C-alpha atoms as a PDB file:
ATOM      1  CA  MET A   1      -1.971 168.562 113.752  1.00  0.00           C
ATOM      2  CA  SER A   2      -4.228 166.135 111.209  1.00  0.00           C
ATOM      3  CA  ALA A   3      -5.305 169.814 109.691  1.00  0.00           C
ATOM      4  CA  ASP A   4      -1.854 170.241 108.391  1.00  0.00           C
ATOM      5  CA  GLY A   5      -1.279 166.541 107.144  1.00  0.00           C
ATOM      6  CA  LEU A   6       0.792 165.764 110.126  1.00  0.00           C
ATOM      7  CA  TYR A   7      -0.510 162.452 111.847  1.00  0.00           C
ATOM      8  CA  TYR A   8       0.850 160.809 114.720  1.00  0.00           C
ATOM      9  CA  LEU A   9      -1.818 158.264 116.127  1.00  0.00           C
ATOM     10  CA  PRO A  10      -0.129 157.168 119.919  1.00  0.00           C
ATOM     11  CA  GLU A  11      -3.095 154.531 120.410  1.00  0.00           C
ATOM     12  CA  GLY A  12      -1.543 152.096 118.249  1.00  0.00           C
ATOM     13  CA  PHE A  13       1.697 152.387 120.182  1.00  0.00           C
ATOM     14  CA  ARG A  14       0.125 152.213 123.334  1.00  0.00           C
ATOM     15  CA  GLU A  15      -2.416 149.287 122.327  1.00  0.00           C
ATOM     16  CA  GLY A  16       1.229 147.312 121.126  1.00  0.00           C
ATOM     17  CA  ALA A  17       2.681 148.221 124.520  1.00  0.00           C
ATOM     18  CA  ARG A  18      -0.211 146.770 126.174  1.00  0.00           C
ATOM     19  CA  ARG A  19      -0.469 143.823 124.027  1.00  0.00           C
ATOM     20  CA  ASN A  20       3.227 143.027 124.486  1.00  0.00           C
ATOM     21  CA  GLY A  21       2.464 143.090 128.303  1.00  0.00           C
ATOM     22  CA  ILE A  22       0.429 140.606 127.846  1.00  0.00           C
ATOM     23  CA  THR A  23       2.515 138.537 125.969  1.00  0.00           C
ATOM     24  CA  ALA A  24       5.335 138.638 128.376  1.00  0.00           C
ATOM     25  CA  ASP A  25       2.905 137.932 131.234  1.00  0.00           C
ATOM     26  CA  ALA A  26       2.330 134.601 129.470  1.00  0.00           C
ATOM     27  CA  ALA A  27       5.674 133.774 128.627  1.00  0.00           C
ATOM     28  CA  GLU A  28       6.653 133.936 132.392  1.00  0.00           C
ATOM     29  CA  GLU A  29       3.217 132.004 133.527  1.00  0.00           C
ATOM     30  CA  ALA A  30       4.251 129.500 130.568  1.00  0.00           C
ATOM     31  CA  GLY A  31       8.164 129.786 131.978  1.00  0.00           C
ATOM     32  CA  ASP A  32       7.083 128.873 135.437  1.00  0.00           C
ATOM     33  CA  SER A  33       4.861 126.033 134.618  1.00  0.00           C
ATOM     34  CA  LEU A  34       7.525 124.315 133.071  1.00  0.00           C
ATOM     35  CA  ARG A  35       9.721 125.265 136.464  1.00  0.00           C
ATOM     36  CA  ARG A  36       7.491 123.260 138.259  1.00  0.00           C
ATOM     37  CA  VAL A  37       7.661 119.906 136.409  1.00  0.00           C
ATOM     38  CA  ARG A  38       9.111 117.718 138.242  1.00  0.00           C
ATOM     39  CA  ILE A  39      10.631 114.714 136.544  1.00  0.00           C
ATOM     40  CA  ASP A  40      10.753 111.242 138.747  1.00  0.00           C
ATOM     41  CA  ASP A  41      13.430 109.411 137.224  1.00  0.00           C
ATOM     42  CA  ALA A  42      11.891 106.050 139.309  1.00  0.00           C
ATOM     43  CA  ALA A  43       8.733 106.388 136.801  1.00  0.00           C
ATOM     44  CA  TYR A  44      11.124 105.637 133.710  1.00  0.00           C
ATOM     45  CA  ALA A  45      12.583 102.369 135.441  1.00  0.00           C
ATOM     46  CA  GLY A  46      16.266 103.894 136.558  1.00  0.00           C
ATOM     47  CA  ALA A  47      17.101 104.782 132.950  1.00  0.00           C
ATOM     48  CA  GLY A  48      18.728 108.264 134.240  1.00  0.00           C
ATOM     49  CA  ALA A  49      19.485 109.380 130.569  1.00  0.00           C
ATOM     50  CA  PHE A  50      16.202 109.824 129.510  1.00  0.00           C
ATOM     51  CA  PRO A  51      15.096 111.466 132.632  1.00  0.00           C
ATOM     52  CA  ALA A  52      18.225 113.672 132.570  1.00  0.00           C
ATOM     53  CA  ALA A  53      17.806 114.718 129.094  1.00  0.00           C
ATOM     54  CA  LEU A  54      13.761 115.442 129.858  1.00  0.00           C
ATOM     55  CA  ALA A  55      15.327 117.829 132.527  1.00  0.00           C
ATOM     56  CA  THR A  56      17.935 119.540 130.706  1.00  0.00           C
ATOM     57  CA  VAL A  57      14.832 120.153 127.659  1.00  0.00           C
ATOM     58  CA  ARG A  58      12.698 121.441 130.688  1.00  0.00           C
ATOM     59  CA  ASP A  59      15.119 123.943 131.797  1.00  0.00           C
ATOM     60  CA  THR A  60      16.323 125.035 128.097  1.00  0.00           C
ATOM     61  CA  GLN A  61      12.819 126.052 127.422  1.00  0.00           C
ATOM     62  CA  ALA A  62      12.211 127.507 130.445  1.00  0.00           C
ATOM     63  CA  ARG A  63      15.319 129.766 130.187  1.00  0.00           C
ATOM     64  CA  SER A  64      13.717 130.584 126.430  1.00  0.00           C
ATOM     65  CA  LEU A  65      10.314 131.670 127.955  1.00  0.00           C
ATOM     66  CA  ALA A  66      12.182 134.076 130.533  1.00  0.00           C
ATOM     67  CA  GLN A  67      14.315 135.472 127.437  1.00  0.00           C
ATOM     68  CA  ALA A  68      11.007 135.981 125.741  1.00  0.00           C
ATOM     69  CA  ALA A  69       9.553 137.649 128.568  1.00  0.00           C
ATOM     70  CA  GLN A  70      12.362 139.783 128.688  1.00  0.00           C
ATOM     71  CA  GLY A  71      12.535 140.765 125.221  1.00  0.00           C
ATOM     72  CA  ARG A  72       8.392 141.781 125.500  1.00  0.00           C
ATOM     73  CA  ASP A  73       9.115 143.832 128.283  1.00  0.00           C
ATOM     74  CA  SER A  74      11.505 145.819 126.135  1.00  0.00           C
ATOM     75  CA  MET A  75       9.204 146.103 123.809  1.00  0.00           C
ATOM     76  CA  ALA A  76       6.209 147.482 125.561  1.00  0.00           C
ATOM     77  CA  ALA A  77       8.730 149.806 127.234  1.00  0.00           C
ATOM     78  CA  ALA A  78       9.572 151.262 123.677  1.00  0.00           C
ATOM     79  CA  ASP A  79       6.253 151.389 122.424  1.00  0.00           C
ATOM     80  CA  SER A  80       5.767 153.254 125.127  1.00  0.00           C
ATOM     81  CA  ALA A  81       8.729 155.541 124.780  1.00  0.00           C
ATOM     82  CA  VAL A  82       7.815 156.586 121.100  1.00  0.00           C
ATOM     83  CA  ALA A  83       4.203 157.183 122.161  1.00  0.00           C
ATOM     84  CA  ALA A  84       5.414 159.760 124.824  1.00  0.00           C
ATOM     85  CA  THR A  85       8.080 160.979 122.502  1.00  0.00           C
ATOM     86  CA  GLY A  86       5.416 161.383 119.422  1.00  0.00           C
ATOM     87  CA  GLU A  87       2.704 163.120 121.581  1.00  0.00           C
ATOM     88  CA  GLU A  88       5.516 165.562 123.291  1.00  0.00           C
ATOM     89  CA  MET A  89       6.735 166.101 119.581  1.00  0.00           C
ATOM     90  CA  ASP A  90       3.407 166.519 118.259  1.00  0.00           C
ATOM     91  CA  ALA A  91       2.495 169.384 121.074  1.00  0.00           C
ATOM     92  CA  THR A  92       5.883 171.333 120.000  1.00  0.00           C
ATOM     93  CA  ALA A  93       4.930 171.280 116.260  1.00  0.00           C
ATOM     94  CA  THR A  94       1.693 172.313 117.180  1.00  0.00           C
ATOM     95  CA  GLU A  95       2.728 175.297 119.281  1.00  0.00           C
ATOM     96  CA  ALA A  96       5.231 176.179 116.702  1.00  0.00           C
ATOM     97  CA  LEU A  97       2.600 176.440 114.090  1.00  0.00           C
ATOM     98  CA  GLY A  98       0.300 178.347 116.116  1.00  0.00           C
ATOM     99  CA  SER A  99       2.520 180.696 116.713  1.00  0.00           C
ATOM    100  CA  ALA A 100       3.742 181.453 113.445  1.00  0.00           C
ATOM    101  CA  SER A 101       3.237 184.702 112.506  1.00  0.00           C
ATOM    102  CA  THR A 102       4.580 185.673 108.984  1.00  0.00           C
ATOM    103  CA  LEU A 103       4.926 183.416 105.563  1.00  0.00           C
ATOM    104  CA  ALA A 104       8.885 182.700 106.614  1.00  0.00           C
ATOM    105  CA  ASP A 105       7.831 181.544 110.105  1.00  0.00           C
ATOM    106  CA  ARG A 106       4.894 179.530 108.787  1.00  0.00           C
ATOM    107  CA  ALA A 107       7.373 177.768 105.882  1.00  0.00           C
ATOM    108  CA  ILE A 108       9.427 176.880 109.007  1.00  0.00           C
ATOM    109  CA  ALA A 109       6.881 175.587 111.327  1.00  0.00           C
ATOM    110  CA  ASP A 110       5.093 173.767 108.503  1.00  0.00           C
ATOM    111  CA  SER A 111       9.136 172.206 107.393  1.00  0.00           C
ATOM    112  CA  MET A 112       9.396 170.785 111.555  1.00  0.00           C
END
């Protein structure tokens, strides 16, 4: 389609999907690491409020990382869908342009 001025580059969307997947994996790994952190009350001389606050922050951060991973997974799926949809539309437009036999057909196909 590039000869007709219609450009569609699915590679960019596919690369976006790949990188979003990598980022989602990294967020999941970071969240897993946070969830494995153990907070020992005895290490703080029995000061229960501080370890409890640390645990709350740890859990909040781990949940946020899980949400970030889900968001990146969703973006990766959307990027892949856009790439596939665009390729399908590009193929349909190419077919329509190739089958145009009159000036009117060509004008209609060009407007797609």
